[in-house]
Amino acid sequence: MTKLFRPAIPIQVEENPDGTPAGFLYRGNLSKVKQICSHWRIKEGWWRNEVEREYFQLETPKFACMIYQDLLSSGWYLQRIHD
């Protein structure tokens, strides 16, 4: 089952030296990143509400998920959980 969060949930992310996520805090629990399955960037909406994000499809020991970093504000968000 997939759980999509709209709006996405703000999270705290522990980053690797290269800026990729190493772990994140969700519901008071630290989820370590087991594997980054894919990542991509989007940049759109420059003519209205600009959006620039870097998405990561991740595996943790308990679930798979999609998180992103808003590159305009530097905030991190949880978008989707696959369990």
C-alpha atoms as a PDB file:
ATOM      1  CA  MET A   1       0.000   0.000   0.000  1.00  0.00           C
ATOM      2  CA  THR A   2       1.192   3.532  -0.741  1.00  0.00           C
ATOM      3  CA  LYS A   3       0.558   6.536   1.469  1.00  0.00           C
ATOM      4  CA  LEU A   4       0.791   9.893  -0.338  1.00  0.00           C
ATOM      5  CA  PHE A   5       1.094  12.993   1.840  1.00  0.00           C
ATOM      6  CA  ARG A   6      -0.532  16.172   0.486  1.00  0.00           C
ATOM      7  CA  PRO A   7       0.901  18.462   1.522  1.00  0.00           C
ATOM      8  CA  ALA A   8       4.222  16.756   2.085  1.00  0.00           C
ATOM      9  CA  ILE A   9       5.385  16.403   5.708  1.00  0.00           C
ATOM     10  CA  PRO A  10       8.387  18.493   6.824  1.00  0.00           C
ATOM     11  CA  ILE A  11      11.184  16.258   8.155  1.00  0.00           C
ATOM     12  CA  GLN A  12      14.667  16.646   9.605  1.00  0.00           C
ATOM     13  CA  VAL A  13      17.330  14.965   7.481  1.00  0.00           C
ATOM     14  CA  GLU A  14      20.818  13.835   8.387  1.00  0.00           C
ATOM     15  CA  GLU A  15      22.957  14.374   5.286  1.00  0.00           C
ATOM     16  CA  ASN A  16      26.032  12.597   3.976  1.00  0.00           C
ATOM     17  CA  PRO A  17      29.026  14.809   3.107  1.00  0.00           C
ATOM     18  CA  ASP A  18      27.818  14.893  -0.528  1.00  0.00           C
ATOM     19  CA  GLY A  19      24.392  16.247   0.512  1.00  0.00           C
ATOM     20  CA  THR A  20      22.450  13.025  -0.027  1.00  0.00           C
ATOM     21  CA  PRO A  21      20.210  11.809   2.809  1.00  0.00           C
ATOM     22  CA  ALA A  22      21.733   9.391   5.350  1.00  0.00           C
ATOM     23  CA  GLY A  23      18.678   9.262   7.595  1.00  0.00           C
ATOM     24  CA  PHE A  24      15.603  11.252   8.600  1.00  0.00           C
ATOM     25  CA  LEU A  25      13.357  11.804  11.578  1.00  0.00           C
ATOM     26  CA  TYR A  26       9.726  10.745  11.055  1.00  0.00           C
ATOM     27  CA  ARG A  27       7.182  10.491  13.892  1.00  0.00           C
ATOM     28  CA  GLY A  28       9.960  10.666  16.460  1.00  0.00           C
ATOM     29  CA  ASN A  29      11.911   7.755  14.933  1.00  0.00           C
ATOM     30  CA  LEU A  30      15.189   7.998  13.071  1.00  0.00           C
ATOM     31  CA  SER A  31      14.991   6.084   9.785  1.00  0.00           C
ATOM     32  CA  LYS A  32      18.431   5.290   8.396  1.00  0.00           C
ATOM     33  CA  VAL A  33      18.757   5.184   4.615  1.00  0.00           C
ATOM     34  CA  LYS A  34      19.628   1.666   3.537  1.00  0.00           C
ATOM     35  CA  GLN A  35      19.764   2.492  -0.177  1.00  0.00           C
ATOM     36  CA  ILE A  36      19.056   5.383  -2.534  1.00  0.00           C
ATOM     37  CA  CYS A  37      17.216   3.681  -5.389  1.00  0.00           C
ATOM     38  CA  SER A  38      17.007   6.769  -7.604  1.00  0.00           C
ATOM     39  CA  HIS A  39      17.035  10.523  -7.476  1.00  0.00           C
ATOM     40  CA  TRP A  40      16.115  13.338  -9.829  1.00  0.00           C
ATOM     41  CA  ARG A  41      15.606  17.098  -9.938  1.00  0.00           C
ATOM     42  CA  ILE A  42      12.717  19.169 -11.171  1.00  0.00           C
ATOM     43  CA  LYS A  43      12.599  22.877 -11.933  1.00  0.00           C
ATOM     44  CA  GLU A  44       9.353  24.369 -13.165  1.00  0.00           C
ATOM     45  CA  GLY A  45       6.865  27.145 -12.702  1.00  0.00           C
ATOM     46  CA  TRP A  46       9.291  30.011 -13.220  1.00  0.00           C
ATOM     47  CA  TRP A  47       6.374  31.947 -14.745  1.00  0.00           C
ATOM     48  CA  ARG A  48       4.224  31.583 -11.573  1.00  0.00           C
ATOM     49  CA  ASN A  49       5.153  29.800  -8.301  1.00  0.00           C
ATOM     50  CA  GLU A  50       8.648  28.527  -8.961  1.00  0.00           C
ATOM     51  CA  VAL A  51       9.427  24.968  -7.835  1.00  0.00           C
ATOM     52  CA  GLU A  52      12.930  23.527  -7.653  1.00  0.00           C
ATOM     53  CA  ARG A  53      13.308  20.181  -5.873  1.00  0.00           C
ATOM     54  CA  GLU A  54      15.605  17.194  -5.645  1.00  0.00           C
ATOM     55  CA  TYR A  55      13.713  13.930  -5.096  1.00  0.00           C
ATOM     56  CA  PHE A  56      15.081  10.701  -3.610  1.00  0.00           C
ATOM     57  CA  GLN A  57      13.456   7.276  -3.792  1.00  0.00           C
ATOM     58  CA  LEU A  58      14.824   5.469  -0.719  1.00  0.00           C
ATOM     59  CA  GLU A  59      14.796   2.181   1.115  1.00  0.00           C
ATOM     60  CA  THR A  60      14.985   2.106   4.903  1.00  0.00           C
ATOM     61  CA  PRO A  61      15.066  -1.082   7.006  1.00  0.00           C
ATOM     62  CA  LYS A  62      11.269  -0.779   7.551  1.00  0.00           C
ATOM     63  CA  PHE A  63       9.815   0.791   4.383  1.00  0.00           C
ATOM     64  CA  ALA A  64      10.478   2.445   1.024  1.00  0.00           C
ATOM     65  CA  CYS A  65       9.680   6.116   0.574  1.00  0.00           C
ATOM     66  CA  MET A  66      10.090   9.261  -1.490  1.00  0.00           C
ATOM     67  CA  ILE A  67      11.514  12.409   0.074  1.00  0.00           C
ATOM     68  CA  TYR A  68      12.607  15.672  -1.460  1.00  0.00           C
ATOM     69  CA  GLN A  69      14.604  18.769  -0.677  1.00  0.00           C
ATOM     70  CA  ASP A  70      13.097  22.110  -1.658  1.00  0.00           C
ATOM     71  CA  LEU A  71      16.159  23.714  -3.223  1.00  0.00           C
ATOM     72  CA  LEU A  72      14.702  27.215  -2.846  1.00  0.00           C
ATOM     73  CA  SER A  73      14.189  26.975   0.944  1.00  0.00           C
ATOM     74  CA  SER A  74      16.562  24.041   1.760  1.00  0.00           C
ATOM     75  CA  GLY A  75      13.723  22.287   3.653  1.00  0.00           C
ATOM     76  CA  TRP A  76      13.238  18.519   3.461  1.00  0.00           C
ATOM     77  CA  TYR A  77       9.856  16.778   3.048  1.00  0.00           C
ATOM     78  CA  LEU A  78       8.377  13.281   3.098  1.00  0.00           C
ATOM     79  CA  GLN A  79       6.094  12.853   0.076  1.00  0.00           C
ATOM     80  CA  ARG A  80       5.224   9.133  -0.032  1.00  0.00           C
ATOM     81  CA  ILE A  81       5.644   5.875   1.911  1.00  0.00           C
ATOM     82  CA  HIS A  82       5.468   2.427   0.319  1.00  0.00           C
ATOM     83  CA  ASP A  83       4.903  -0.395   2.802  1.00  0.00           C
END
